[in-house]
């Protein structure tokens, strides 16, 4: 009977597989798991509400969306495109590599860029498309490839460099967890061992972006 408590995992897998609404799938999984575990419906709803209130700071990035819309409506996107189109020998891959370096450096300094919303959508993606379309117009497939590569570059930079800042939430969480298990792992130790991973990620991603440029030209 204990295995029935894992029904939430099954619901999430099936929901994502059938491309259902993400929020609805997660809430359904939480409700099912709580009810199967013997909780009352009111108790499960209370826990969901408490979890949302305790972590409501995570949703603050929504406040940036109106700002991004206003900035784009006043021509920031077009200004970036025009500026990039005037620079010679600048490719989409080079733009991605420059952004990746900025992403890792800012993460190491504890500066959160929230890249997908504030940078990739309004700036990096349009700039990369402008650089790639200097020689000839882009096809719909090429536009999608650039969008995917821009988003992936941001994910690589964020995921593998977020532990470079000694006071980041991830570093503090790992340090406290290891300490509770009886292991010595100070925040400085975690940062030290995260540096090689960030460097390796940059080198591999930069090489991949260069190959992307060559394949794109073909």
N, C-alpha and C. Protein backbone atom coordinates (compact mmCIF):
# COMPACT_ATOMS: atom_id res chain seq x y z
N UNK A 1 0.81 -1.21 0.00
CA UNK A 1 0.00 0.00 0.00
C UNK A 1 0.85 1.27 0.00
N UNK A 2 2.06 1.16 0.54
CA UNK A 2 2.93 2.32 0.60
C UNK A 2 3.25 2.85 -0.79
N UNK A 3 3.24 1.95 -1.79
CA UNK A 3 3.58 2.36 -3.15
C UNK A 3 2.54 3.31 -3.73
N UNK A 4 1.30 3.28 -3.20
CA UNK A 4 0.26 4.17 -3.71
C UNK A 4 0.58 5.63 -3.44
N UNK A 5 1.45 5.88 -2.45
CA UNK A 5 1.83 7.25 -2.14
C UNK A 5 2.71 7.86 -3.23
N UNK A 6 3.18 7.02 -4.14
CA UNK A 6 3.99 7.51 -5.26
C UNK A 6 3.14 7.88 -6.47
N UNK A 7 1.82 7.91 -6.28
CA UNK A 7 0.93 8.18 -7.41
C UNK A 7 1.18 9.57 -8.00
N UNK A 8 1.68 10.49 -7.16
CA UNK A 8 1.97 11.84 -7.66
C UNK A 8 3.01 11.83 -8.76
N UNK A 9 4.01 10.96 -8.63
CA UNK A 9 5.05 10.86 -9.66
C UNK A 9 4.45 10.37 -10.98
N UNK A 10 3.55 9.39 -10.87
CA UNK A 10 2.90 8.85 -12.08
C UNK A 10 2.07 9.94 -12.76
N UNK A 11 1.35 10.72 -11.96
CA UNK A 11 0.51 11.79 -12.52
C UNK A 11 1.37 12.82 -13.24
N UNK A 12 2.50 13.20 -12.64
CA UNK A 12 3.38 14.19 -13.26
C UNK A 12 3.96 13.65 -14.57
N UNK A 13 4.40 12.39 -14.58
CA UNK A 13 4.97 11.81 -15.79
C UNK A 13 3.93 11.76 -16.92
N UNK A 14 2.73 11.29 -16.58
CA UNK A 14 1.67 11.20 -17.60
C UNK A 14 1.23 12.59 -18.06
N UNK A 15 1.14 13.53 -17.11
CA UNK A 15 0.71 14.88 -17.48
C UNK A 15 1.69 15.56 -18.41
N UNK A 16 2.98 15.41 -18.13
CA UNK A 16 3.98 15.99 -19.02
C UNK A 16 4.05 15.25 -20.35
N UNK A 17 3.85 13.94 -20.30
CA UNK A 17 3.90 13.15 -21.54
C UNK A 17 2.78 13.55 -22.49
N UNK A 18 1.60 13.84 -21.94
CA UNK A 18 0.46 14.24 -22.77
C UNK A 18 0.36 15.75 -22.93
N UNK A 19 1.40 16.47 -22.45
CA UNK A 19 1.51 17.92 -22.63
C UNK A 19 0.31 18.67 -22.05
N UNK A 20 -0.11 18.24 -20.87
CA UNK A 20 -1.21 18.93 -20.18
C UNK A 20 -0.68 20.17 -19.48
N UNK A 21 -1.60 20.98 -18.97
CA UNK A 21 -1.20 22.21 -18.29
C UNK A 21 -0.31 21.88 -17.09
N UNK A 22 0.86 22.52 -17.03
CA UNK A 22 1.86 22.18 -16.02
C UNK A 22 1.36 22.43 -14.60
N UNK A 23 0.77 23.60 -14.36
CA UNK A 23 0.30 23.93 -13.01
C UNK A 23 -0.79 22.96 -12.58
N UNK A 24 -1.73 22.66 -13.49
CA UNK A 24 -2.81 21.74 -13.16
C UNK A 24 -2.28 20.35 -12.83
N UNK A 25 -1.28 19.91 -13.57
CA UNK A 25 -0.69 18.58 -13.32
C UNK A 25 -0.02 18.53 -11.95
N UNK A 26 0.75 19.57 -11.63
CA UNK A 26 1.45 19.58 -10.34
C UNK A 26 0.47 19.63 -9.17
N UNK A 27 -0.58 20.45 -9.29
CA UNK A 27 -1.57 20.53 -8.22
C UNK A 27 -2.32 19.20 -8.07
N UNK A 28 -2.67 18.59 -9.20
CA UNK A 28 -3.36 17.29 -9.16
C UNK A 28 -2.47 16.24 -8.50
N UNK A 29 -1.18 16.26 -8.81
CA UNK A 29 -0.25 15.30 -8.20
C UNK A 29 -0.16 15.52 -6.69
N UNK A 30 -0.11 16.78 -6.28
CA UNK A 30 -0.03 17.08 -4.85
C UNK A 30 -1.29 16.65 -4.12
N UNK A 31 -2.45 16.92 -4.71
CA UNK A 31 -3.71 16.52 -4.10
C UNK A 31 -3.82 15.00 -3.98
N UNK A 32 -3.48 14.31 -5.05
CA UNK A 32 -3.56 12.85 -5.04
C UNK A 32 -2.62 12.24 -4.00
N UNK A 33 -1.41 12.76 -3.95
CA UNK A 33 -0.44 12.24 -2.98
C UNK A 33 -0.92 12.46 -1.54
N UNK A 34 -1.44 13.66 -1.27
CA UNK A 34 -1.92 13.96 0.07
C UNK A 34 -3.11 13.11 0.48
N UNK A 35 -4.06 12.95 -0.43
CA UNK A 35 -5.26 12.16 -0.11
C UNK A 35 -4.93 10.69 0.10
N UNK A 36 -4.05 10.15 -0.76
CA UNK A 36 -3.66 8.74 -0.61
C UNK A 36 -2.89 8.53 0.69
N UNK A 37 -2.18 9.56 1.15
CA UNK A 37 -1.39 9.44 2.38
C UNK A 37 -2.23 9.58 3.63
N UNK A 38 -3.53 9.81 3.46
CA UNK A 38 -4.42 9.89 4.62
C UNK A 38 -4.75 11.29 5.08
N UNK A 39 -4.31 12.30 4.36
CA UNK A 39 -4.63 13.67 4.73
C UNK A 39 -6.04 14.02 4.27
N UNK A 40 -6.65 14.95 4.98
CA UNK A 40 -7.95 15.44 4.54
C UNK A 40 -7.77 16.45 3.40
N UNK A 41 -8.84 16.68 2.66
CA UNK A 41 -8.76 17.62 1.54
C UNK A 41 -8.40 19.02 2.04
N UNK A 42 -9.01 19.43 3.16
CA UNK A 42 -8.72 20.76 3.71
C UNK A 42 -7.25 20.88 4.12
N UNK A 43 -6.71 19.79 4.70
CA UNK A 43 -5.31 19.82 5.13
C UNK A 43 -4.37 19.97 3.93
N UNK A 44 -4.67 19.25 2.84
CA UNK A 44 -3.82 19.34 1.65
C UNK A 44 -3.87 20.75 1.07
N UNK A 45 -5.06 21.32 0.98
CA UNK A 45 -5.20 22.68 0.44
C UNK A 45 -4.46 23.68 1.33
N UNK A 46 -4.55 23.48 2.64
CA UNK A 46 -3.84 24.37 3.57
C UNK A 46 -2.33 24.30 3.36
N UNK A 47 -1.80 23.08 3.18
CA UNK A 47 -0.37 22.93 2.94
C UNK A 47 0.06 23.58 1.63
N UNK A 48 -0.77 23.43 0.59
CA UNK A 48 -0.45 24.07 -0.69
C UNK A 48 -0.41 25.59 -0.55
N UNK A 49 -1.40 26.13 0.16
CA UNK A 49 -1.44 27.58 0.36
C UNK A 49 -0.26 28.07 1.18
N UNK A 50 0.09 27.32 2.23
CA UNK A 50 1.24 27.70 3.06
C UNK A 50 2.53 27.65 2.26
N UNK A 51 2.67 26.59 1.43
CA UNK A 51 3.87 26.48 0.60
C UNK A 51 4.00 27.65 -0.36
N UNK A 52 2.86 28.08 -0.93
CA UNK A 52 2.90 29.22 -1.85
C UNK A 52 3.28 30.50 -1.12
N UNK A 53 2.70 30.71 0.06
CA UNK A 53 2.99 31.94 0.80
C UNK A 53 4.43 31.97 1.29
N UNK A 54 4.95 30.81 1.70
CA UNK A 54 6.34 30.76 2.18
C UNK A 54 7.34 31.01 1.08
N UNK A 55 6.95 30.72 -0.18
CA UNK A 55 7.88 30.86 -1.30
C UNK A 55 7.40 31.88 -2.32
N UNK A 56 6.58 32.82 -1.88
CA UNK A 56 6.00 33.78 -2.82
C UNK A 56 7.04 34.71 -3.43
N UNK A 57 8.22 34.81 -2.78
CA UNK A 57 9.27 35.67 -3.35
C UNK A 57 9.75 35.14 -4.69
N UNK A 58 9.56 33.83 -4.92
CA UNK A 58 9.98 33.24 -6.19
C UNK A 58 9.20 33.83 -7.36
N UNK A 59 7.98 34.29 -7.08
CA UNK A 59 7.11 34.80 -8.15
C UNK A 59 7.35 36.28 -8.45
N UNK A 60 8.31 36.90 -7.79
CA UNK A 60 8.54 38.33 -8.00
C UNK A 60 8.97 38.66 -9.43
N UNK A 61 9.52 37.64 -10.14
CA UNK A 61 9.98 37.94 -11.50
C UNK A 61 8.82 38.33 -12.41
N UNK A 62 7.58 37.98 -12.01
CA UNK A 62 6.42 38.38 -12.82
C UNK A 62 6.31 39.90 -12.91
N UNK A 63 6.84 40.60 -11.90
CA UNK A 63 6.78 42.06 -11.92
C UNK A 63 7.63 42.65 -13.04
N UNK A 64 8.58 41.87 -13.55
CA UNK A 64 9.43 42.38 -14.63
C UNK A 64 8.75 42.30 -15.99
N UNK A 65 7.70 41.50 -16.11
CA UNK A 65 7.06 41.31 -17.41
C UNK A 65 6.49 42.61 -17.98
N UNK A 66 5.75 43.42 -17.20
CA UNK A 66 5.28 44.70 -17.76
C UNK A 66 6.44 45.59 -18.21
N UNK A 67 7.54 45.58 -17.44
CA UNK A 67 8.70 46.39 -17.79
C UNK A 67 9.28 45.96 -19.13
N UNK A 68 9.39 44.63 -19.34
CA UNK A 68 9.90 44.12 -20.60
C UNK A 68 9.00 44.54 -21.75
N UNK A 69 7.69 44.47 -21.55
CA UNK A 69 6.74 44.87 -22.59
C UNK A 69 6.88 46.34 -22.95
N UNK A 70 7.02 47.20 -21.95
CA UNK A 70 7.17 48.64 -22.19
C UNK A 70 8.47 48.93 -22.94
N UNK A 71 9.55 48.27 -22.53
CA UNK A 71 10.85 48.48 -23.17
C UNK A 71 10.80 48.06 -24.63
N UNK A 72 10.19 46.90 -24.90
CA UNK A 72 10.10 46.44 -26.29
C UNK A 72 9.22 47.36 -27.13
N UNK A 73 8.14 47.86 -26.54
CA UNK A 73 7.24 48.74 -27.30
C UNK A 73 7.90 50.06 -27.66
N UNK A 74 8.95 50.42 -26.92
CA UNK A 74 9.66 51.67 -27.21
C UNK A 74 10.92 51.45 -28.05
N UNK A 75 11.05 50.25 -28.60
CA UNK A 75 12.08 50.04 -29.62
C UNK A 75 13.39 49.44 -29.17
N UNK A 76 13.48 48.91 -27.95
CA UNK A 76 14.75 48.33 -27.51
C UNK A 76 15.14 47.14 -28.39
N UNK A 77 14.17 46.28 -28.69
CA UNK A 77 14.45 45.11 -29.52
C UNK A 77 14.97 45.52 -30.89
N UNK A 78 14.31 46.49 -31.52
CA UNK A 78 14.71 46.92 -32.85
C UNK A 78 16.06 47.62 -32.81
N UNK A 79 16.33 48.37 -31.74
CA UNK A 79 17.63 49.04 -31.61
C UNK A 79 18.75 48.02 -31.49
N UNK A 80 18.49 46.95 -30.75
CA UNK A 80 19.51 45.89 -30.62
C UNK A 80 19.76 45.21 -31.95
N UNK A 81 18.68 44.94 -32.68
CA UNK A 81 18.80 44.30 -33.99
C UNK A 81 19.58 45.19 -34.95
N UNK A 82 19.26 46.48 -34.97
CA UNK A 82 19.95 47.41 -35.87
C UNK A 82 21.44 47.51 -35.53
N UNK A 83 21.75 47.53 -34.23
CA UNK A 83 23.14 47.63 -33.82
C UNK A 83 23.94 46.40 -34.21
N UNK A 84 23.36 45.23 -34.03
CA UNK A 84 24.06 43.99 -34.35
C UNK A 84 24.26 43.84 -35.85
N UNK A 85 23.26 44.25 -36.63
CA UNK A 85 23.35 44.09 -38.08
C UNK A 85 24.47 44.94 -38.69
N UNK A 86 24.95 45.95 -37.98
CA UNK A 86 26.02 46.82 -38.49
C UNK A 86 27.41 46.29 -38.16
N UNK A 87 27.49 45.30 -37.28
CA UNK A 87 28.79 44.76 -36.87
C UNK A 87 29.16 43.59 -37.78
N UNK A 88 30.35 43.64 -38.34
CA UNK A 88 30.79 42.60 -39.26
C UNK A 88 31.37 41.40 -38.50
N UNK A 89 31.27 40.25 -39.13
CA UNK A 89 31.86 39.00 -38.61
C UNK A 89 31.32 38.60 -37.24
N UNK A 90 30.11 39.04 -36.93
CA UNK A 90 29.49 38.66 -35.67
C UNK A 90 28.40 37.62 -35.96
N UNK A 91 28.52 36.47 -35.33
CA UNK A 91 27.59 35.38 -35.58
C UNK A 91 26.72 35.12 -34.35
N UNK A 92 25.71 34.29 -34.53
CA UNK A 92 24.84 33.94 -33.41
C UNK A 92 25.62 33.23 -32.32
N UNK A 93 26.52 32.31 -32.72
CA UNK A 93 27.30 31.57 -31.75
C UNK A 93 28.19 32.47 -30.91
N UNK A 94 28.79 33.50 -31.52
CA UNK A 94 29.64 34.43 -30.78
C UNK A 94 28.83 35.23 -29.76
N UNK A 95 27.62 35.59 -30.14
CA UNK A 95 26.74 36.30 -29.21
C UNK A 95 26.39 35.40 -28.03
N UNK A 96 26.09 34.15 -28.33
CA UNK A 96 25.76 33.20 -27.26
C UNK A 96 26.95 33.00 -26.31
N UNK A 97 28.15 32.91 -26.87
CA UNK A 97 29.34 32.70 -26.03
C UNK A 97 29.61 33.92 -25.14
N UNK A 98 29.41 35.11 -25.70
CA UNK A 98 29.59 36.33 -24.90
C UNK A 98 28.57 36.37 -23.77
N UNK A 99 27.33 36.04 -24.08
CA UNK A 99 26.30 36.04 -23.05
C UNK A 99 26.58 34.98 -21.98
N UNK A 100 27.08 33.80 -22.42
CA UNK A 100 27.40 32.74 -21.47
C UNK A 100 28.47 33.20 -20.48
N UNK A 101 29.48 33.90 -20.98
CA UNK A 101 30.53 34.42 -20.10
C UNK A 101 29.95 35.42 -19.10
N UNK A 102 29.09 36.31 -19.59
CA UNK A 102 28.46 37.29 -18.71
C UNK A 102 27.59 36.60 -17.67
N UNK A 103 26.88 35.55 -18.10
CA UNK A 103 25.99 34.81 -17.20
C UNK A 103 26.77 34.18 -16.05
N UNK A 104 27.89 33.55 -16.37
CA UNK A 104 28.67 32.88 -15.33
C UNK A 104 29.35 33.88 -14.41
N UNK A 105 29.84 34.97 -14.97
CA UNK A 105 30.51 35.98 -14.14
C UNK A 105 29.52 36.63 -13.17
N UNK A 106 28.35 36.98 -13.66
CA UNK A 106 27.35 37.60 -12.79
C UNK A 106 26.85 36.63 -11.72
N UNK A 107 26.71 35.36 -12.07
CA UNK A 107 26.33 34.37 -11.07
C UNK A 107 27.39 34.27 -9.97
N UNK A 108 28.65 34.32 -10.36
CA UNK A 108 29.73 34.26 -9.38
C UNK A 108 29.73 35.47 -8.45
N UNK A 109 29.18 36.57 -8.92
CA UNK A 109 29.10 37.79 -8.12
C UNK A 109 27.79 37.89 -7.34
N UNK A 110 26.93 36.88 -7.51
CA UNK A 110 25.66 36.88 -6.79
C UNK A 110 24.60 37.74 -7.43
N UNK A 111 24.77 38.07 -8.72
CA UNK A 111 23.79 38.91 -9.43
C UNK A 111 22.90 38.01 -10.26
N UNK A 112 21.61 37.98 -9.94
CA UNK A 112 20.66 37.13 -10.65
C UNK A 112 20.11 37.87 -11.86
N UNK A 113 20.32 37.32 -13.05
CA UNK A 113 19.85 37.97 -14.26
C UNK A 113 18.44 37.55 -14.66
N UNK A 114 17.98 36.38 -14.19
CA UNK A 114 16.69 35.83 -14.64
C UNK A 114 16.64 35.86 -16.16
N UNK A 115 17.64 35.24 -16.76
CA UNK A 115 17.95 35.41 -18.17
C UNK A 115 16.84 35.20 -19.16
N UNK A 116 16.00 34.16 -18.99
CA UNK A 116 15.00 33.86 -20.01
C UNK A 116 14.05 35.03 -20.21
N UNK A 117 13.66 35.69 -19.13
CA UNK A 117 12.67 36.77 -19.22
C UNK A 117 13.32 38.10 -19.59
N UNK A 118 14.38 38.47 -18.86
CA UNK A 118 14.93 39.80 -19.03
C UNK A 118 15.93 39.93 -20.17
N UNK A 119 16.56 38.83 -20.59
CA UNK A 119 17.63 38.95 -21.58
C UNK A 119 17.39 38.11 -22.84
N UNK A 120 17.07 36.85 -22.70
CA UNK A 120 16.96 35.98 -23.87
C UNK A 120 15.83 36.43 -24.79
N UNK A 121 14.64 36.58 -24.26
CA UNK A 121 13.49 36.94 -25.08
C UNK A 121 13.60 38.33 -25.72
N UNK A 122 13.92 39.37 -24.96
CA UNK A 122 13.93 40.71 -25.57
C UNK A 122 15.24 41.12 -26.22
N UNK A 123 16.38 40.48 -25.88
CA UNK A 123 17.66 40.97 -26.37
C UNK A 123 18.50 39.92 -27.10
N UNK A 124 18.88 38.86 -26.40
CA UNK A 124 19.84 37.90 -26.96
C UNK A 124 19.28 37.21 -28.20
N UNK A 125 18.06 36.73 -28.13
CA UNK A 125 17.47 36.05 -29.29
C UNK A 125 17.35 36.98 -30.50
N UNK A 126 16.79 38.18 -30.36
CA UNK A 126 16.75 39.09 -31.52
C UNK A 126 18.13 39.45 -32.06
N UNK A 127 19.11 39.65 -31.16
CA UNK A 127 20.45 39.98 -31.60
C UNK A 127 21.07 38.82 -32.38
N UNK A 128 20.86 37.60 -31.90
CA UNK A 128 21.40 36.43 -32.60
C UNK A 128 20.74 36.26 -33.97
N UNK A 129 19.45 36.49 -34.03
CA UNK A 129 18.76 36.39 -35.32
C UNK A 129 19.25 37.45 -36.30
N UNK A 130 19.50 38.65 -35.78
CA UNK A 130 20.00 39.72 -36.64
C UNK A 130 21.38 39.38 -37.18
N UNK A 131 22.24 38.82 -36.33
CA UNK A 131 23.59 38.46 -36.76
C UNK A 131 23.56 37.34 -37.79
N UNK A 132 22.62 36.40 -37.61
CA UNK A 132 22.55 35.26 -38.52
C UNK A 132 21.87 35.60 -39.85
N UNK A 133 21.12 36.69 -39.87
CA UNK A 133 20.37 37.04 -41.09
C UNK A 133 21.05 38.10 -41.94
N UNK A 134 22.32 38.41 -41.62
CA UNK A 134 23.03 39.42 -42.39
C UNK A 134 23.22 38.98 -43.83
N UNK A 135 23.58 37.70 -44.03
CA UNK A 135 23.86 37.20 -45.38
C UNK A 135 22.58 36.89 -46.16
N UNK A 136 21.59 36.32 -45.49
CA UNK A 136 20.34 35.98 -46.15
C UNK A 136 19.24 35.84 -45.12
N UNK A 137 17.98 36.01 -45.54
CA UNK A 137 16.86 35.90 -44.59
C UNK A 137 16.79 34.50 -43.99
N UNK A 138 16.29 34.43 -42.77
CA UNK A 138 16.19 33.16 -42.07
C UNK A 138 14.88 32.46 -42.38
N UNK A 139 14.94 31.15 -42.40
CA UNK A 139 13.73 30.35 -42.53
C UNK A 139 13.11 30.16 -41.15
N UNK A 140 11.88 29.68 -41.13
CA UNK A 140 11.20 29.45 -39.85
C UNK A 140 11.97 28.42 -39.02
N UNK A 141 12.52 27.41 -39.67
CA UNK A 141 13.28 26.39 -38.95
C UNK A 141 14.54 26.98 -38.34
N UNK A 142 15.22 27.85 -39.07
CA UNK A 142 16.43 28.48 -38.56
C UNK A 142 16.12 29.40 -37.38
N UNK A 143 14.99 30.10 -37.44
CA UNK A 143 14.57 30.96 -36.33
C UNK A 143 14.34 30.12 -35.07
N UNK A 144 13.68 28.98 -35.25
CA UNK A 144 13.43 28.09 -34.10
C UNK A 144 14.74 27.54 -33.53
N UNK A 145 15.70 27.22 -34.41
CA UNK A 145 16.99 26.72 -33.94
C UNK A 145 17.72 27.77 -33.11
N UNK A 146 17.66 29.01 -33.52
CA UNK A 146 18.32 30.09 -32.77
C UNK A 146 17.63 30.30 -31.43
N UNK A 147 16.31 30.26 -31.43
CA UNK A 147 15.57 30.39 -30.17
C UNK A 147 15.97 29.30 -29.18
N UNK A 148 16.02 28.07 -29.66
CA UNK A 148 16.39 26.95 -28.81
C UNK A 148 17.80 27.05 -28.29
N UNK A 149 18.72 27.46 -29.17
CA UNK A 149 20.12 27.59 -28.77
C UNK A 149 20.29 28.71 -27.75
N UNK A 150 19.57 29.82 -27.93
CA UNK A 150 19.65 30.94 -26.98
C UNK A 150 19.17 30.51 -25.60
N UNK A 151 18.03 29.81 -25.56
CA UNK A 151 17.49 29.35 -24.28
C UNK A 151 18.42 28.33 -23.63
N UNK A 152 18.97 27.43 -24.43
CA UNK A 152 19.86 26.40 -23.90
C UNK A 152 21.13 27.02 -23.32
N UNK A 153 21.69 28.01 -23.99
CA UNK A 153 22.90 28.65 -23.50
C UNK A 153 22.67 29.29 -22.14
N UNK A 154 21.51 29.94 -21.99
CA UNK A 154 21.19 30.53 -20.70
C UNK A 154 21.04 29.46 -19.62
N UNK A 155 20.39 28.35 -19.96
CA UNK A 155 20.21 27.27 -18.98
C UNK A 155 21.55 26.67 -18.55
N UNK A 156 22.45 26.47 -19.52
CA UNK A 156 23.77 25.92 -19.18
C UNK A 156 24.51 26.85 -18.23
N UNK A 157 24.52 28.14 -18.58
CA UNK A 157 25.23 29.10 -17.76
C UNK A 157 24.66 29.22 -16.36
N UNK A 158 23.34 29.23 -16.26
CA UNK A 158 22.69 29.38 -14.96
C UNK A 158 22.85 28.13 -14.11
N UNK A 159 22.64 26.96 -14.70
CA UNK A 159 22.65 25.71 -13.93
C UNK A 159 24.03 25.39 -13.38
N UNK A 160 25.06 25.57 -14.20
CA UNK A 160 26.39 25.14 -13.80
C UNK A 160 27.22 26.24 -13.14
N UNK A 161 26.66 27.43 -12.98
CA UNK A 161 27.42 28.49 -12.31
C UNK A 161 26.67 29.10 -11.13
N UNK A 162 25.49 28.60 -10.83
CA UNK A 162 24.71 29.19 -9.75
C UNK A 162 25.32 28.94 -8.38
N UNK A 163 26.23 27.96 -8.29
CA UNK A 163 26.88 27.67 -7.02
C UNK A 163 28.26 28.33 -6.89
N UNK A 164 28.54 29.31 -7.73
CA UNK A 164 29.82 30.01 -7.66
C UNK A 164 29.80 31.13 -6.63
N UNK A 165 28.62 31.50 -6.18
CA UNK A 165 28.49 32.57 -5.18
C UNK A 165 28.33 31.95 -3.80
N UNK A 166 29.18 32.33 -2.88
CA UNK A 166 29.25 31.65 -1.58
C UNK A 166 27.98 31.80 -0.76
N UNK A 167 27.19 32.84 -1.03
CA UNK A 167 25.98 33.06 -0.23
C UNK A 167 24.70 32.72 -0.99
N UNK A 168 24.83 32.00 -2.10
CA UNK A 168 23.63 31.63 -2.86
C UNK A 168 22.82 30.60 -2.08
N UNK A 169 21.52 30.55 -2.35
CA UNK A 169 20.64 29.64 -1.60
C UNK A 169 21.03 28.19 -1.80
N UNK A 170 21.45 27.83 -3.03
CA UNK A 170 21.83 26.44 -3.30
C UNK A 170 23.06 26.02 -2.51
N UNK A 171 24.04 26.90 -2.44
CA UNK A 171 25.27 26.60 -1.69
C UNK A 171 24.97 26.45 -0.21
N UNK A 172 24.18 27.36 0.34
CA UNK A 172 23.85 27.29 1.77
C UNK A 172 23.02 26.05 2.09
N UNK A 173 22.11 25.69 1.17
CA UNK A 173 21.29 24.50 1.39
C UNK A 173 22.15 23.23 1.39
N UNK A 174 23.06 23.12 0.43
CA UNK A 174 23.92 21.94 0.38
C UNK A 174 24.83 21.86 1.60
N UNK A 175 25.36 23.00 2.01
CA UNK A 175 26.25 23.02 3.15
C UNK A 175 25.53 22.58 4.43
N UNK A 176 24.33 23.12 4.66
CA UNK A 176 23.57 22.76 5.86
C UNK A 176 23.12 21.31 5.82
N UNK A 177 22.75 20.82 4.63
CA UNK A 177 22.32 19.43 4.51
C UNK A 177 23.48 18.48 4.80
N UNK A 178 24.64 18.75 4.21
CA UNK A 178 25.81 17.91 4.45
C UNK A 178 26.21 17.94 5.93
N UNK A 179 26.10 19.11 6.54
CA UNK A 179 26.45 19.23 7.95
C UNK A 179 25.51 18.41 8.82
N UNK A 180 24.20 18.40 8.48
CA UNK A 180 23.23 17.63 9.25
C UNK A 180 23.46 16.13 9.12
N UNK A 181 24.12 15.71 8.04
CA UNK A 181 24.41 14.30 7.82
C UNK A 181 25.77 13.89 8.37
N UNK A 182 26.47 14.85 8.97
CA UNK A 182 27.73 14.53 9.60
C UNK A 182 28.95 14.73 8.74
N UNK A 183 28.79 15.44 7.60
CA UNK A 183 29.91 15.68 6.71
C UNK A 183 30.34 17.15 6.81
N UNK A 184 31.61 17.40 6.57
CA UNK A 184 32.13 18.76 6.59
C UNK A 184 32.15 19.31 5.17
N UNK A 185 31.29 20.27 4.91
CA UNK A 185 31.23 20.89 3.59
C UNK A 185 30.83 22.35 3.78
N UNK A 186 31.80 23.21 3.91
CA UNK A 186 31.52 24.63 4.09
C UNK A 186 31.11 25.24 2.75
N UNK A 187 30.43 26.37 2.76
CA UNK A 187 30.09 27.05 1.50
C UNK A 187 31.31 27.30 0.62
N UNK A 188 32.43 27.61 1.25
CA UNK A 188 33.66 27.86 0.47
C UNK A 188 34.10 26.59 -0.25
N UNK A 189 33.97 25.44 0.40
CA UNK A 189 34.33 24.17 -0.25
C UNK A 189 33.45 23.91 -1.47
N UNK A 190 32.17 24.16 -1.32
CA UNK A 190 31.23 23.91 -2.42
C UNK A 190 31.53 24.82 -3.61
N UNK A 191 31.81 26.09 -3.31
CA UNK A 191 32.16 27.02 -4.39
C UNK A 191 33.46 26.59 -5.07
N UNK A 192 34.42 26.17 -4.29
CA UNK A 192 35.72 25.77 -4.84
C UNK A 192 35.56 24.61 -5.82
N UNK A 193 34.75 23.64 -5.47
CA UNK A 193 34.57 22.49 -6.34
C UNK A 193 33.57 22.76 -7.47
N UNK A 194 32.87 23.87 -7.41
CA UNK A 194 31.95 24.24 -8.49
C UNK A 194 32.67 24.99 -9.62
N UNK A 195 33.81 25.59 -9.30
CA UNK A 195 34.54 26.37 -10.30
C UNK A 195 34.97 25.52 -11.50
N UNK A 196 35.58 24.35 -11.31
CA UNK A 196 35.96 23.54 -12.49
C UNK A 196 34.78 23.17 -13.36
N UNK A 197 33.63 22.89 -12.74
CA UNK A 197 32.44 22.53 -13.51
C UNK A 197 31.97 23.69 -14.37
N UNK A 198 32.03 24.91 -13.81
CA UNK A 198 31.62 26.09 -14.57
C UNK A 198 32.55 26.33 -15.75
N UNK A 199 33.85 26.13 -15.54
CA UNK A 199 34.83 26.32 -16.63
C UNK A 199 34.63 25.28 -17.72
N UNK A 200 34.46 24.03 -17.32
CA UNK A 200 34.23 22.95 -18.30
C UNK A 200 32.96 23.21 -19.09
N UNK A 201 31.91 23.66 -18.40
CA UNK A 201 30.65 23.97 -19.08
C UNK A 201 30.83 25.06 -20.11
N UNK A 202 31.59 26.10 -19.74
CA UNK A 202 31.82 27.19 -20.69
C UNK A 202 32.56 26.69 -21.93
N UNK A 203 33.60 25.90 -21.74
CA UNK A 203 34.40 25.42 -22.86
C UNK A 203 33.57 24.53 -23.78
N UNK A 204 32.81 23.61 -23.19
CA UNK A 204 32.01 22.69 -24.01
C UNK A 204 30.91 23.45 -24.75
N UNK A 205 30.23 24.36 -24.04
CA UNK A 205 29.14 25.12 -24.68
C UNK A 205 29.68 26.06 -25.74
N UNK A 206 30.83 26.69 -25.49
CA UNK A 206 31.43 27.59 -26.48
C UNK A 206 31.80 26.81 -27.74
N UNK A 207 32.36 25.61 -27.56
CA UNK A 207 32.70 24.77 -28.72
C UNK A 207 31.44 24.36 -29.46
N UNK A 208 30.40 24.01 -28.72
CA UNK A 208 29.13 23.62 -29.35
C UNK A 208 28.52 24.78 -30.12
N UNK A 209 28.63 25.99 -29.58
CA UNK A 209 28.09 27.17 -30.28
C UNK A 209 28.88 27.46 -31.56
N UNK A 210 30.19 27.20 -31.57
CA UNK A 210 30.98 27.37 -32.78
C UNK A 210 30.56 26.36 -33.84
N UNK A 211 30.31 25.14 -33.42
CA UNK A 211 29.82 24.13 -34.36
C UNK A 211 28.43 24.50 -34.87
N UNK A 212 27.65 25.11 -34.02
CA UNK A 212 26.32 25.58 -34.42
C UNK A 212 26.43 26.59 -35.55
N UNK A 213 27.39 27.51 -35.44
CA UNK A 213 27.59 28.51 -36.50
C UNK A 213 27.97 27.83 -37.82
N UNK A 214 28.87 26.85 -37.77
CA UNK A 214 29.31 26.18 -38.99
C UNK A 214 28.17 25.41 -39.63
N UNK A 215 27.41 24.69 -38.82
CA UNK A 215 26.28 23.93 -39.33
C UNK A 215 25.19 24.88 -39.86
N UNK A 216 25.06 26.01 -39.19
CA UNK A 216 24.06 26.99 -39.60
C UNK A 216 24.39 27.57 -40.96
N UNK A 217 25.67 27.83 -41.20
CA UNK A 217 26.09 28.37 -42.50
C UNK A 217 25.84 27.38 -43.64
N UNK A 218 25.98 26.08 -43.31
CA UNK A 218 25.72 25.07 -44.34
C UNK A 218 24.24 24.95 -44.68
